[in-house]
Amino acid sequence: LSNAKAQAANFPFCTIEPNVGVITVPDDRLIKLADIDKPEKVIPTTVE
């Protein structure tokens, strides 16, 4: 999801401190609206 490269391994409690990543939400509607309105900047919704 985040391309954050958290450690993933074959043993319990590989993760202790929570890893946090911010990702953009894919939305084809946003692309279509941008094509129509031609804004200077497109800012997608993000999820943490």
All heavy atoms as atom14 arrays in JSON, in Angstrom:
{
  "sequence": "LSNAKAQAANFPFCTIEPNVGVITVPDDRLIKLADIDKPEKVIPTTVE",
  "atom14_mask": [
    [1, 1, 1, 1, 1, 1, 1, 1, 0, 0, 0, 0, 0, 0],
    [1, 1, 1, 1, 1, 1, 0, 0, 0, 0, 0, 0, 0, 0],
    [1, 1, 1, 1, 1, 1, 1, 1, 0, 0, 0, 0, 0, 0],
    [1, 1, 1, 1, 1, 0, 0, 0, 0, 0, 0, 0, 0, 0],
    [1, 1, 1, 1, 1, 1, 1, 1, 1, 0, 0, 0, 0, 0],
    [1, 1, 1, 1, 1, 0, 0, 0, 0, 0, 0, 0, 0, 0],
    [1, 1, 1, 1, 1, 1, 1, 1, 1, 0, 0, 0, 0, 0],
    [1, 1, 1, 1, 1, 0, 0, 0, 0, 0, 0, 0, 0, 0],
    [1, 1, 1, 1, 1, 0, 0, 0, 0, 0, 0, 0, 0, 0],
    [1, 1, 1, 1, 1, 1, 1, 1, 0, 0, 0, 0, 0, 0],
    [1, 1, 1, 1, 1, 1, 1, 1, 1, 1, 1, 0, 0, 0],
    [1, 1, 1, 1, 1, 1, 1, 0, 0, 0, 0, 0, 0, 0],
    [1, 1, 1, 1, 1, 1, 1, 1, 1, 1, 1, 0, 0, 0],
    [1, 1, 1, 1, 1, 1, 0, 0, 0, 0, 0, 0, 0, 0],
    [1, 1, 1, 1, 1, 1, 1, 0, 0, 0, 0, 0, 0, 0],
    [1, 1, 1, 1, 1, 1, 1, 1, 0, 0, 0, 0, 0, 0],
    [1, 1, 1, 1, 1, 1, 1, 1, 1, 0, 0, 0, 0, 0],
    [1, 1, 1, 1, 1, 1, 1, 0, 0, 0, 0, 0, 0, 0],
    [1, 1, 1, 1, 1, 1, 1, 1, 0, 0, 0, 0, 0, 0],
    [1, 1, 1, 1, 1, 1, 1, 0, 0, 0, 0, 0, 0, 0],
    [1, 1, 1, 1, 0, 0, 0, 0, 0, 0, 0, 0, 0, 0],
    [1, 1, 1, 1, 1, 1, 1, 0, 0, 0, 0, 0, 0, 0],
    [1, 1, 1, 1, 1, 1, 1, 1, 0, 0, 0, 0, 0, 0],
    [1, 1, 1, 1, 1, 1, 1, 0, 0, 0, 0, 0, 0, 0],
    [1, 1, 1, 1, 1, 1, 1, 0, 0, 0, 0, 0, 0, 0],
    [1, 1, 1, 1, 1, 1, 1, 0, 0, 0, 0, 0, 0, 0],
    [1, 1, 1, 1, 1, 1, 1, 1, 0, 0, 0, 0, 0, 0],
    [1, 1, 1, 1, 1, 1, 1, 1, 0, 0, 0, 0, 0, 0],
    [1, 1, 1, 1, 1, 1, 1, 1, 1, 1, 1, 0, 0, 0],
    [1, 1, 1, 1, 1, 1, 1, 1, 0, 0, 0, 0, 0, 0],
    [1, 1, 1, 1, 1, 1, 1, 1, 0, 0, 0, 0, 0, 0],
    [1, 1, 1, 1, 1, 1, 1, 1, 1, 0, 0, 0, 0, 0],
    [1, 1, 1, 1, 1, 1, 1, 1, 0, 0, 0, 0, 0, 0],
    [1, 1, 1, 1, 1, 0, 0, 0, 0, 0, 0, 0, 0, 0],
    [1, 1, 1, 1, 1, 1, 1, 1, 0, 0, 0, 0, 0, 0],
    [1, 1, 1, 1, 1, 1, 1, 1, 0, 0, 0, 0, 0, 0],
    [1, 1, 1, 1, 1, 1, 1, 1, 0, 0, 0, 0, 0, 0],
    [1, 1, 1, 1, 1, 1, 1, 1, 1, 0, 0, 0, 0, 0],
    [1, 1, 1, 1, 1, 1, 1, 0, 0, 0, 0, 0, 0, 0],
    [1, 1, 1, 1, 1, 1, 1, 1, 1, 0, 0, 0, 0, 0],
    [1, 1, 1, 1, 1, 1, 1, 1, 1, 0, 0, 0, 0, 0],
    [1, 1, 1, 1, 1, 1, 1, 0, 0, 0, 0, 0, 0, 0],
    [1, 1, 1, 1, 1, 1, 1, 1, 0, 0, 0, 0, 0, 0],
    [1, 1, 1, 1, 1, 1, 1, 0, 0, 0, 0, 0, 0, 0],
    [1, 1, 1, 1, 1, 1, 1, 0, 0, 0, 0, 0, 0, 0],
    [1, 1, 1, 1, 1, 1, 1, 0, 0, 0, 0, 0, 0, 0],
    [1, 1, 1, 1, 1, 1, 1, 0, 0, 0, 0, 0, 0, 0],
    [1, 1, 1, 1, 1, 1, 1, 1, 1, 0, 0, 0, 0, 0]
  ],
  "atom14_positions": [
    [[0.82, -1.22, 0.0], [0.0, 0.0, 0.0], [0.85, 1.27, 0.0], [0.59, 2.21, -0.74], [-0.9, 0.02, 1.24], [-2.11, -0.92, 1.22], [-2.7, -1.04, 2.61], [-3.15, -0.41, 0.25], [0.0, 0.0, 0.0], [0.0, 0.0, 0.0], [0.0, 0.0, 0.0], [0.0, 0.0, 0.0], [0.0, 0.0, 0.0], [0.0, 0.0, 0.0]],
    [[1.87, 1.28, 0.85], [2.58, 2.53, 1.09], [3.96, 2.61, 0.46], [4.57, 3.67, 0.41], [2.74, 2.74, 2.6], [3.59, 1.75, 3.14], [0.0, 0.0, 0.0], [0.0, 0.0, 0.0], [0.0, 0.0, 0.0], [0.0, 0.0, 0.0], [0.0, 0.0, 0.0], [0.0, 0.0, 0.0], [0.0, 0.0, 0.0], [0.0, 0.0, 0.0]],
    [[4.46, 1.44, 0.03], [5.82, 1.38, -0.5], [6.84, 1.89, 0.52], [7.86, 2.47, 0.19], [5.96, 2.19, -1.8], [7.12, 1.72, -2.65], [7.5, 0.55, -2.59], [7.7, 2.61, -3.43], [0.0, 0.0, 0.0], [0.0, 0.0, 0.0], [0.0, 0.0, 0.0], [0.0, 0.0, 0.0], [0.0, 0.0, 0.0], [0.0, 0.0, 0.0]],
    [[6.52, 1.66, 1.82], [7.36, 2.19, 2.9], [8.44, 1.22, 3.36], [9.29, 1.56, 4.16], [6.49, 2.56, 4.1], [0.0, 0.0, 0.0], [0.0, 0.0, 0.0], [0.0, 0.0, 0.0], [0.0, 0.0, 0.0], [0.0, 0.0, 0.0], [0.0, 0.0, 0.0], [0.0, 0.0, 0.0], [0.0, 0.0, 0.0], [0.0, 0.0, 0.0]],
    [[8.38, -0.03, 2.87], [9.39, -1.03, 3.19], [9.51, -1.32, 4.68], [10.57, -1.3, 5.27], [10.78, -0.63, 2.64], [10.79, -0.32, 1.15], [10.22, -1.47, 0.33], [10.13, -1.13, -1.15], [9.16, -1.95, -1.86], [0.0, 0.0, 0.0], [0.0, 0.0, 0.0], [0.0, 0.0, 0.0], [0.0, 0.0, 0.0], [0.0, 0.0, 0.0]],
    [[8.36, -1.57, 5.32], [8.39, -2.01, 6.71], [8.95, -3.43, 6.73], [8.81, -4.19, 5.77], [6.98, -2.0, 7.29], [0.0, 0.0, 0.0], [0.0, 0.0, 0.0], [0.0, 0.0, 0.0], [0.0, 0.0, 0.0], [0.0, 0.0, 0.0], [0.0, 0.0, 0.0], [0.0, 0.0, 0.0], [0.0, 0.0, 0.0], [0.0, 0.0, 0.0]],
    [[9.58, -3.81, 7.84], [10.14, -5.14, 7.95], [9.03, -6.18, 7.98], [8.08, -6.07, 8.74], [11.0, -5.28, 9.22], [11.7, -6.63, 9.31], [12.44, -6.82, 10.63], [12.28, -6.02, 11.54], [13.21, -7.88, 10.72], [0.0, 0.0, 0.0], [0.0, 0.0, 0.0], [0.0, 0.0, 0.0], [0.0, 0.0, 0.0], [0.0, 0.0, 0.0]],
    [[9.14, -7.2, 7.13], [8.18, -8.29, 7.11], [8.99, -9.58, 7.22], [9.88, -9.82, 6.42], [7.36, -8.29, 5.82], [0.0, 0.0, 0.0], [0.0, 0.0, 0.0], [0.0, 0.0, 0.0], [0.0, 0.0, 0.0], [0.0, 0.0, 0.0], [0.0, 0.0, 0.0], [0.0, 0.0, 0.0], [0.0, 0.0, 0.0], [0.0, 0.0, 0.0]],
    [[8.7, -10.4, 8.23], [9.49, -11.61, 8.43], [8.63, -12.71, 9.04], [7.54, -12.46, 9.55], [10.69, -11.3, 9.35], [0.0, 0.0, 0.0], [0.0, 0.0, 0.0], [0.0, 0.0, 0.0], [0.0, 0.0, 0.0], [0.0, 0.0, 0.0], [0.0, 0.0, 0.0], [0.0, 0.0, 0.0], [0.0, 0.0, 0.0], [0.0, 0.0, 0.0]],
    [[9.16, -13.94, 8.98], [8.43, -15.11, 9.41], [8.62, -15.38, 10.9], [9.09, -16.43, 11.31], [8.88, -16.33, 8.57], [8.07, -17.56, 8.89], [6.96, -17.47, 9.38], [8.63, -18.73, 8.62], [0.0, 0.0, 0.0], [0.0, 0.0, 0.0], [0.0, 0.0, 0.0], [0.0, 0.0, 0.0], [0.0, 0.0, 0.0], [0.0, 0.0, 0.0]],
    [[8.26, -14.39, 11.74], [8.25, -14.61, 13.18], [7.3, -13.61, 13.83], [7.1, -12.51, 13.31], [9.66, -14.49, 13.79], [10.35, -13.18, 13.53], [10.14, -12.08, 14.34], [11.23, -13.06, 12.46], [10.79, -10.88, 14.11], [11.88, -11.85, 12.22], [11.67, -10.76, 13.04], [0.0, 0.0, 0.0], [0.0, 0.0, 0.0], [0.0, 0.0, 0.0]],
    [[6.67, -14.0, 14.97], [5.71, -13.1, 15.62], [6.38, -11.82, 16.12], [7.54, -11.81, 16.49], [5.2, -13.94, 16.81], [5.47, -15.35, 16.42], [6.74, -15.31, 15.62], [0.0, 0.0, 0.0], [0.0, 0.0, 0.0], [0.0, 0.0, 0.0], [0.0, 0.0, 0.0], [0.0, 0.0, 0.0], [0.0, 0.0, 0.0], [0.0, 0.0, 0.0]],
    [[5.59, -10.74, 16.15], [6.03, -9.43, 16.64], [7.21, -8.88, 15.85], [8.09, -8.22, 16.39], [6.34, -9.46, 18.15], [5.19, -9.92, 18.97], [5.28, -11.06, 19.76], [3.98, -9.26, 18.92], [4.2, -11.5, 20.5], [2.88, -9.69, 19.65], [3.01, -10.82, 20.45], [0.0, 0.0, 0.0], [0.0, 0.0, 0.0], [0.0, 0.0, 0.0]],
    [[7.23, -9.18, 14.55], [8.22, -8.55, 13.66], [8.02, -7.04, 13.71], [8.98, -6.28, 13.67], [8.02, -9.08, 12.24], [9.01, -8.27, 11.0], [0.0, 0.0, 0.0], [0.0, 0.0, 0.0], [0.0, 0.0, 0.0], [0.0, 0.0, 0.0], [0.0, 0.0, 0.0], [0.0, 0.0, 0.0], [0.0, 0.0, 0.0], [0.0, 0.0, 0.0]],
    [[6.75, -6.6, 13.79], [6.43, -5.18, 13.95], [6.18, -4.91, 15.43], [5.36, -5.57, 16.05], [5.17, -4.8, 13.15], [5.39, -5.09, 11.77], [4.85, -3.32, 13.3], [0.0, 0.0, 0.0], [0.0, 0.0, 0.0], [0.0, 0.0, 0.0], [0.0, 0.0, 0.0], [0.0, 0.0, 0.0], [0.0, 0.0, 0.0], [0.0, 0.0, 0.0]],
    [[6.89, -3.94, 16.01], [6.66, -3.56, 17.4], [6.13, -2.13, 17.44], [5.0, -1.87, 17.83], [7.95, -3.71, 18.24], [8.36, -5.2, 18.27], [7.72, -3.19, 19.66], [9.64, -5.47, 19.02], [0.0, 0.0, 0.0], [0.0, 0.0, 0.0], [0.0, 0.0, 0.0], [0.0, 0.0, 0.0], [0.0, 0.0, 0.0], [0.0, 0.0, 0.0]],
    [[6.95, -1.17, 17.0], [6.46, 0.19, 16.86], [5.64, 0.27, 15.57], [6.04, -0.28, 14.54], [7.63, 1.18, 16.79], [8.39, 1.32, 18.1], [7.51, 1.84, 19.22], [6.62, 2.68, 18.95], [7.7, 1.4, 20.37], [0.0, 0.0, 0.0], [0.0, 0.0, 0.0], [0.0, 0.0, 0.0], [0.0, 0.0, 0.0], [0.0, 0.0, 0.0]],
    [[4.47, 0.91, 15.59], [3.65, 0.97, 14.37], [4.35, 1.73, 13.24], [4.95, 2.77, 13.47], [2.39, 1.7, 14.83], [2.78, 2.45, 16.06], [3.85, 1.63, 16.71], [0.0, 0.0, 0.0], [0.0, 0.0, 0.0], [0.0, 0.0, 0.0], [0.0, 0.0, 0.0], [0.0, 0.0, 0.0], [0.0, 0.0, 0.0], [0.0, 0.0, 0.0]],
    [[4.29, 1.14, 12.05], [4.79, 1.82, 10.85], [3.67, 2.66, 10.28], [2.51, 2.25, 10.29], [5.25, 0.79, 9.81], [6.37, -0.09, 10.32], [7.42, 0.41, 10.7], [6.15, -1.39, 10.36], [0.0, 0.0, 0.0], [0.0, 0.0, 0.0], [0.0, 0.0, 0.0], [0.0, 0.0, 0.0], [0.0, 0.0, 0.0], [0.0, 0.0, 0.0]],
    [[3.99, 3.84, 9.77], [2.98, 4.75, 9.24], [3.35, 5.15, 7.81], [4.5, 5.49, 7.54], [2.84, 6.03, 10.11], [1.77, 6.95, 9.54], [2.52, 5.67, 11.55], [0.0, 0.0, 0.0], [0.0, 0.0, 0.0], [0.0, 0.0, 0.0], [0.0, 0.0, 0.0], [0.0, 0.0, 0.0], [0.0, 0.0, 0.0], [0.0, 0.0, 0.0]],
    [[2.37, 5.09, 6.92], [2.6, 5.52, 5.55], [1.4, 6.31, 5.05], [0.25, 6.03, 5.43], [0.0, 0.0, 0.0], [0.0, 0.0, 0.0], [0.0, 0.0, 0.0], [0.0, 0.0, 0.0], [0.0, 0.0, 0.0], [0.0, 0.0, 0.0], [0.0, 0.0, 0.0], [0.0, 0.0, 0.0], [0.0, 0.0, 0.0], [0.0, 0.0, 0.0]],
    [[1.63, 7.32, 4.23], [0.53, 8.12, 3.65], [0.44, 7.77, 2.17], [1.43, 7.85, 1.43], [0.78, 9.63, 3.82], [-0.34, 10.42, 3.15], [0.87, 9.99, 5.3], [0.0, 0.0, 0.0], [0.0, 0.0, 0.0], [0.0, 0.0, 0.0], [0.0, 0.0, 0.0], [0.0, 0.0, 0.0], [0.0, 0.0, 0.0], [0.0, 0.0, 0.0]],
    [[-0.74, 7.34, 1.73], [-0.92, 6.93, 0.34], [-2.02, 7.77, -0.33], [-2.91, 8.29, 0.34], [-1.28, 5.44, 0.23], [-2.61, 5.15, 0.93], [-0.18, 4.57, 0.83], [-3.16, 3.77, 0.67], [0.0, 0.0, 0.0], [0.0, 0.0, 0.0], [0.0, 0.0, 0.0], [0.0, 0.0, 0.0], [0.0, 0.0, 0.0], [0.0, 0.0, 0.0]],
    [[-1.91, 7.9, -1.64], [-2.96, 8.59, -2.39], [-4.01, 7.57, -2.82], [-3.7, 6.41, -3.08], [-2.39, 9.3, -3.63], [-1.73, 8.33, -4.46], [-1.41, 10.38, -3.23], [0.0, 0.0, 0.0], [0.0, 0.0, 0.0], [0.0, 0.0, 0.0], [0.0, 0.0, 0.0], [0.0, 0.0, 0.0], [0.0, 0.0, 0.0], [0.0, 0.0, 0.0]],
    [[-5.26, 8.02, -2.89], [-6.36, 7.13, -3.26], [-6.56, 7.19, -4.78], [-6.86, 8.26, -5.32], [-7.66, 7.56, -2.55], [-8.81, 6.64, -2.96], [-7.46, 7.52, -1.04], [0.0, 0.0, 0.0], [0.0, 0.0, 0.0], [0.0, 0.0, 0.0], [0.0, 0.0, 0.0], [0.0, 0.0, 0.0], [0.0, 0.0, 0.0], [0.0, 0.0, 0.0]],
    [[-6.43, 6.06, -5.5], [-6.66, 6.05, -6.94], [-8.11, 6.42, -7.25], [-9.03, 5.88, -6.61], [-6.38, 4.6, -7.35], [-5.62, 4.0, -6.21], [-6.08, 4.72, -4.98], [0.0, 0.0, 0.0], [0.0, 0.0, 0.0], [0.0, 0.0, 0.0], [0.0, 0.0, 0.0], [0.0, 0.0, 0.0], [0.0, 0.0, 0.0], [0.0, 0.0, 0.0]],
    [[-8.32, 7.34, -8.17], [-9.68, 7.77, -8.5], [-9.73, 8.26, -9.95], [-9.25, 9.36, -10.27], [-10.12, 8.89, -7.55], [-11.62, 9.18, -7.64], [-12.23, 8.8, -8.66], [-12.16, 9.78, -6.7], [0.0, 0.0, 0.0], [0.0, 0.0, 0.0], [0.0, 0.0, 0.0], [0.0, 0.0, 0.0], [0.0, 0.0, 0.0], [0.0, 0.0, 0.0]],
    [[-10.29, 7.44, -10.83], [-10.38, 7.79, -12.25], [-11.22, 9.05, -12.47], [-11.0, 9.79, -13.43], [-11.0, 6.63, -13.05], [-10.05, 5.44, -13.14], [-8.83, 5.65, -12.98], [-10.53, 4.31, -13.35], [0.0, 0.0, 0.0], [0.0, 0.0, 0.0], [0.0, 0.0, 0.0], [0.0, 0.0, 0.0], [0.0, 0.0, 0.0], [0.0, 0.0, 0.0]],
    [[-12.17, 9.31, -11.58], [-13.03, 10.49, -11.73], [-12.2, 11.77, -11.63], [-12.46, 12.76, -12.32], [-14.11, 10.49, -10.67], [-15.1, 9.33, -10.76], [-15.99, 9.25, -9.54], [-15.22, 9.1, -8.32], [-15.74, 9.13, -7.1], [-17.05, 9.32, -6.95], [-14.98, 9.0, -6.03], [0.0, 0.0, 0.0], [0.0, 0.0, 0.0], [0.0, 0.0, 0.0]],
    [[-11.21, 11.74, -10.75], [-10.34, 12.91, -10.56], [-9.57, 13.23, -11.84], [-9.43, 14.39, -12.23], [-9.37, 12.65, -9.4], [-8.55, 13.84, -8.91], [-9.45, 14.93, -8.33], [-7.55, 13.39, -7.84], [0.0, 0.0, 0.0], [0.0, 0.0, 0.0], [0.0, 0.0, 0.0], [0.0, 0.0, 0.0], [0.0, 0.0, 0.0], [0.0, 0.0, 0.0]],
    [[-9.1, 12.18, -12.49], [-8.36, 12.36, -13.74], [-9.26, 12.96, -14.81], [-8.87, 13.88, -15.55], [-7.79, 11.0, -14.23], [-6.78, 10.47, -13.21], [-7.14, 11.14, -15.6], [-6.35, 9.03, -13.44], [0.0, 0.0, 0.0], [0.0, 0.0, 0.0], [0.0, 0.0, 0.0], [0.0, 0.0, 0.0], [0.0, 0.0, 0.0], [0.0, 0.0, 0.0]],
    [[-10.5, 12.46, -14.9], [-11.45, 12.96, -15.91], [-11.81, 14.43, -15.64], [-11.91, 15.24, -16.57], [-12.7, 12.1, -15.93], [-12.44, 10.7, -16.49], [-13.66, 9.81, -16.35], [-13.36, 8.41, -16.86], [-14.5, 7.49, -16.64], [0.0, 0.0, 0.0], [0.0, 0.0, 0.0], [0.0, 0.0, 0.0], [0.0, 0.0, 0.0], [0.0, 0.0, 0.0]],
    [[-12.0, 14.77, -14.37], [-12.32, 16.15, -14.01], [-11.14, 17.08, -14.32], [-11.33, 18.21, -14.79], [-12.66, 16.25, -12.52], [-14.02, 15.68, -12.1], [-14.12, 15.62, -10.58], [-15.15, 16.51, -12.67], [0.0, 0.0, 0.0], [0.0, 0.0, 0.0], [0.0, 0.0, 0.0], [0.0, 0.0, 0.0], [0.0, 0.0, 0.0], [0.0, 0.0, 0.0]],
    [[-9.93, 16.59, -14.09], [-8.75, 17.39, -14.38], [-8.61, 17.64, -15.89], [-8.21, 18.73, -16.32], [-7.5, 16.69, -13.85], [0.0, 0.0, 0.0], [0.0, 0.0, 0.0], [0.0, 0.0, 0.0], [0.0, 0.0, 0.0], [0.0, 0.0, 0.0], [0.0, 0.0, 0.0], [0.0, 0.0, 0.0], [0.0, 0.0, 0.0], [0.0, 0.0, 0.0]],
    [[-8.98, 16.65, -16.69], [-8.93, 16.79, -18.15], [-9.91, 17.86, -18.63], [-9.65, 18.59, -19.59], [-9.26, 15.46, -18.83], [-8.13, 14.45, -18.7], [-6.98, 14.88, -18.42], [-8.38, 13.24, -18.85], [0.0, 0.0, 0.0], [0.0, 0.0, 0.0], [0.0, 0.0, 0.0], [0.0, 0.0, 0.0], [0.0, 0.0, 0.0], [0.0, 0.0, 0.0]],
    [[-11.04, 17.97, -17.93], [-12.06, 18.94, -18.32], [-11.69, 20.35, -17.84], [-11.75, 21.32, -18.6], [-13.44, 18.54, -17.73], [-13.92, 17.22, -18.34], [-14.47, 19.65, -17.95], [-15.1, 16.61, -17.62], [0.0, 0.0, 0.0], [0.0, 0.0, 0.0], [0.0, 0.0, 0.0], [0.0, 0.0, 0.0], [0.0, 0.0, 0.0], [0.0, 0.0, 0.0]],
    [[-11.28, 20.45, -16.57], [-11.1, 21.76, -15.95], [-9.69, 22.34, -16.11], [-9.49, 23.55, -15.97], [-11.43, 21.65, -14.45], [-11.69, 23.0, -13.81], [-12.47, 23.78, -14.39], [-11.09, 23.28, -12.76], [0.0, 0.0, 0.0], [0.0, 0.0, 0.0], [0.0, 0.0, 0.0], [0.0, 0.0, 0.0], [0.0, 0.0, 0.0], [0.0, 0.0, 0.0]],
    [[-8.71, 21.46, -16.38], [-7.31, 21.87, -16.56], [-6.78, 22.71, -15.38], [-6.31, 23.84, -15.57], [-7.16, 22.67, -17.87], [-7.59, 21.92, -19.14], [-6.65, 20.79, -19.48], [-6.95, 20.19, -20.85], [-8.26, 19.56, -20.98], [0.0, 0.0, 0.0], [0.0, 0.0, 0.0], [0.0, 0.0, 0.0], [0.0, 0.0, 0.0], [0.0, 0.0, 0.0]],
    [[-6.84, 22.19, -14.16], [-6.34, 22.95, -13.01], [-4.81, 23.01, -13.01], [-4.15, 22.18, -13.65], [-6.85, 22.14, -11.81], [-6.9, 20.74, -12.33], [-7.31, 20.85, -13.77], [0.0, 0.0, 0.0], [0.0, 0.0, 0.0], [0.0, 0.0, 0.0], [0.0, 0.0, 0.0], [0.0, 0.0, 0.0], [0.0, 0.0, 0.0], [0.0, 0.0, 0.0]],
    [[-4.26, 23.99, -12.29], [-2.8, 24.08, -12.18], [-2.24, 22.92, -11.38], [-1.12, 22.47, -11.62], [-2.4, 25.4, -11.52], [-2.66, 26.63, -12.37], [-2.18, 27.9, -11.7], [-1.47, 27.81, -10.69], [-2.54, 28.99, -12.2], [0.0, 0.0, 0.0], [0.0, 0.0, 0.0], [0.0, 0.0, 0.0], [0.0, 0.0, 0.0], [0.0, 0.0, 0.0]],
    [[-2.99, 22.45, -10.41], [-2.52, 21.36, -9.58], [-3.68, 20.42, -9.24], [-4.8, 20.86, -9.02], [-1.93, 21.92, -8.28], [-1.32, 20.86, -7.36], [-0.86, 21.46, -6.04], [0.37, 22.32, -6.22], [0.9, 22.77, -4.89], [0.0, 0.0, 0.0], [0.0, 0.0, 0.0], [0.0, 0.0, 0.0], [0.0, 0.0, 0.0], [0.0, 0.0, 0.0]],
    [[-3.4, 19.11, -9.25], [-4.38, 18.09, -8.87], [-3.93, 17.48, -7.54], [-2.82, 16.96, -7.45], [-4.51, 16.99, -9.94], [-5.47, 15.9, -9.46], [-4.99, 17.58, -11.25], [0.0, 0.0, 0.0], [0.0, 0.0, 0.0], [0.0, 0.0, 0.0], [0.0, 0.0, 0.0], [0.0, 0.0, 0.0], [0.0, 0.0, 0.0], [0.0, 0.0, 0.0]],
    [[-4.78, 17.58, -6.52], [-4.42, 17.05, -5.2], [-5.38, 15.9, -4.86], [-6.54, 16.12, -4.54], [-4.51, 18.14, -4.12], [-3.6, 19.32, -4.48], [-4.13, 17.57, -2.74], [-3.72, 20.5, -3.55], [0.0, 0.0, 0.0], [0.0, 0.0, 0.0], [0.0, 0.0, 0.0], [0.0, 0.0, 0.0], [0.0, 0.0, 0.0], [0.0, 0.0, 0.0]],
    [[-4.9, 14.65, -4.96], [-5.76, 13.52, -4.66], [-6.02, 13.36, -3.16], [-5.28, 13.9, -2.33], [-4.97, 12.32, -5.19], [-3.54, 12.76, -5.09], [-3.54, 14.24, -5.34], [0.0, 0.0, 0.0], [0.0, 0.0, 0.0], [0.0, 0.0, 0.0], [0.0, 0.0, 0.0], [0.0, 0.0, 0.0], [0.0, 0.0, 0.0], [0.0, 0.0, 0.0]],
    [[-7.06, 12.63, -2.83], [-7.33, 12.28, -1.43], [-6.22, 11.37, -0.92], [-5.7, 10.54, -1.66], [-8.69, 11.55, -1.33], [-9.71, 12.43, -1.77], [-8.98, 11.11, 0.09], [0.0, 0.0, 0.0], [0.0, 0.0, 0.0], [0.0, 0.0, 0.0], [0.0, 0.0, 0.0], [0.0, 0.0, 0.0], [0.0, 0.0, 0.0], [0.0, 0.0, 0.0]],
    [[-5.87, 11.52, 0.34], [-4.86, 10.64, 0.93], [-5.45, 9.86, 2.11], [-6.42, 10.29, 2.73], [-3.64, 11.43, 1.43], [-4.05, 12.36, 2.43], [-2.95, 12.15, 0.29], [0.0, 0.0, 0.0], [0.0, 0.0, 0.0], [0.0, 0.0, 0.0], [0.0, 0.0, 0.0], [0.0, 0.0, 0.0], [0.0, 0.0, 0.0], [0.0, 0.0, 0.0]],
    [[-4.84, 8.73, 2.38], [-5.2, 7.91, 3.53], [-3.91, 7.58, 4.28], [-2.9, 7.25, 3.66], [-5.89, 6.6, 3.1], [-6.16, 5.7, 4.32], [-7.19, 6.87, 2.38], [0.0, 0.0, 0.0], [0.0, 0.0, 0.0], [0.0, 0.0, 0.0], [0.0, 0.0, 0.0], [0.0, 0.0, 0.0], [0.0, 0.0, 0.0], [0.0, 0.0, 0.0]],
    [[-3.97, 7.7, 5.59], [-2.81, 7.33, 6.41], [-3.0, 5.88, 6.86], [-4.01, 5.53, 7.47], [-2.71, 8.26, 7.63], [-1.38, 8.17, 8.35], [-1.24, 9.24, 9.42], [-0.84, 10.37, 9.07], [-1.55, 8.95, 10.59], [0.0, 0.0, 0.0], [0.0, 0.0, 0.0], [0.0, 0.0, 0.0], [0.0, 0.0, 0.0], [0.0, 0.0, 0.0]]
  ]
}
